[in-house]
Amino acid sequence: MSGASSKPGFLRTVIFLALATIAYLGIYFNIDQLNQYFISKGIIPAFCLLGTVIGIAFLYGTAISNVLSLLGLESDH
C-alpha cells in the first residue's frame, strides 16, 4: 500500500515537466544576457548562478523522477 501512495500524480508530473521546459527555454533564449551577468565580477552574480544551477537541477530531477515513477521504475534508496 505504501507503493501506491509514493507515486506522484499525473498532474504533478505534468506541472514539473512544464516548469522544466519553461526554465530551459527561458535560459536558452536569454543565454547572452545571462552570460554577461553571470561572468561579471561580484558576489551577487556568483550566488545567482549557484541558485540557477540548483533550481534547474531540482526541476529537471523532479520531473524525470516523476516520469520514471509513473512508468513504474522506482529506486529503493
Protein backbone atom coordinates (compact mmCIF):
# COMPACT_ATOMS: atom_id res chain seq x y z
CA MET A 1 0.00 0.00 0.00
CA SER A 2 2.91 2.36 0.60
CA GLY A 3 3.97 1.96 -3.06
CA ALA A 4 0.71 3.44 -4.28
CA SER A 5 0.96 6.46 -2.00
CA SER A 6 4.53 7.23 -3.05
CA LYS A 7 3.64 7.51 -6.75
CA PRO A 8 3.35 11.09 -7.93
CA GLY A 9 0.16 12.19 -9.59
CA PHE A 10 -0.08 12.73 -13.31
CA LEU A 11 -0.88 16.42 -12.79
CA ARG A 12 2.20 16.92 -10.59
CA THR A 13 4.36 15.26 -13.25
CA VAL A 14 2.94 17.48 -15.99
CA ILE A 15 3.48 20.59 -13.84
CA PHE A 16 7.15 19.75 -13.20
CA LEU A 17 7.71 18.89 -16.86
CA ALA A 18 6.16 22.21 -17.87
CA LEU A 19 8.27 24.13 -15.34
CA ALA A 20 11.43 22.37 -16.52
CA THR A 21 10.59 23.17 -20.14
CA ILE A 22 9.86 26.82 -19.35
CA ALA A 23 13.13 27.11 -17.42
CA TYR A 24 15.09 25.51 -20.28
CA LEU A 25 13.54 27.79 -22.88
CA GLY A 26 13.96 30.85 -20.68
CA ILE A 27 17.65 30.17 -20.28
CA TYR A 28 18.15 29.12 -23.92
CA PHE A 29 16.62 32.26 -25.39
CA ASN A 30 18.34 34.61 -22.91
CA ILE A 31 21.74 32.98 -22.67
CA ASP A 32 23.68 36.03 -23.90
CA GLN A 33 22.23 38.34 -21.25
CA LEU A 34 22.62 35.68 -18.55
CA ASN A 35 26.26 35.05 -19.51
CA GLN A 36 27.04 38.76 -19.33
CA TYR A 37 25.51 38.94 -15.87
CA PHE A 38 26.94 35.69 -14.51
CA ILE A 39 30.53 36.40 -15.58
CA SER A 40 30.53 39.93 -14.18
CA LYS A 41 32.68 40.28 -11.11
CA GLY A 42 30.83 40.25 -7.86
CA ILE A 43 29.39 38.07 -5.18
CA ILE A 44 25.73 38.53 -6.15
CA PRO A 45 26.13 37.16 -9.71
CA ALA A 46 28.00 34.18 -8.26
CA PHE A 47 25.16 33.41 -5.86
CA CYS A 48 22.60 33.92 -8.64
CA LEU A 49 24.48 31.43 -10.82
CA LEU A 50 24.60 28.94 -7.97
CA GLY A 51 20.88 29.40 -7.34
CA THR A 52 20.10 28.95 -11.02
CA VAL A 53 22.09 25.71 -11.21
CA ILE A 54 20.46 24.31 -8.07
CA GLY A 55 16.98 25.36 -9.22
CA ILE A 56 17.37 23.82 -12.68
CA ALA A 57 18.80 20.61 -11.22
CA PHE A 58 15.82 20.37 -8.85
CA LEU A 59 13.27 20.96 -11.62
CA TYR A 60 14.84 18.51 -14.06
CA GLY A 61 15.50 15.89 -11.41
CA THR A 62 11.98 16.05 -10.00
CA ALA A 63 10.39 15.98 -13.46
CA ILE A 64 12.38 12.94 -14.59
CA SER A 65 11.89 11.19 -11.25
CA ASN A 66 8.13 11.65 -11.52
CA VAL A 67 8.08 10.37 -15.10
CA LEU A 68 10.08 7.28 -14.17
CA SER A 69 7.88 6.71 -11.15
CA LEU A 70 4.75 6.85 -13.29
CA LEU A 71 6.34 4.30 -15.60
CA GLY A 72 6.91 2.01 -12.62
CA LEU A 73 10.68 2.46 -12.50
CA GLU A 74 11.49 3.38 -8.89
CA SER A 75 14.63 3.14 -6.85
CA ASP A 76 14.64 1.68 -3.35
CA HIS A 77 17.18 4.17 -2.00
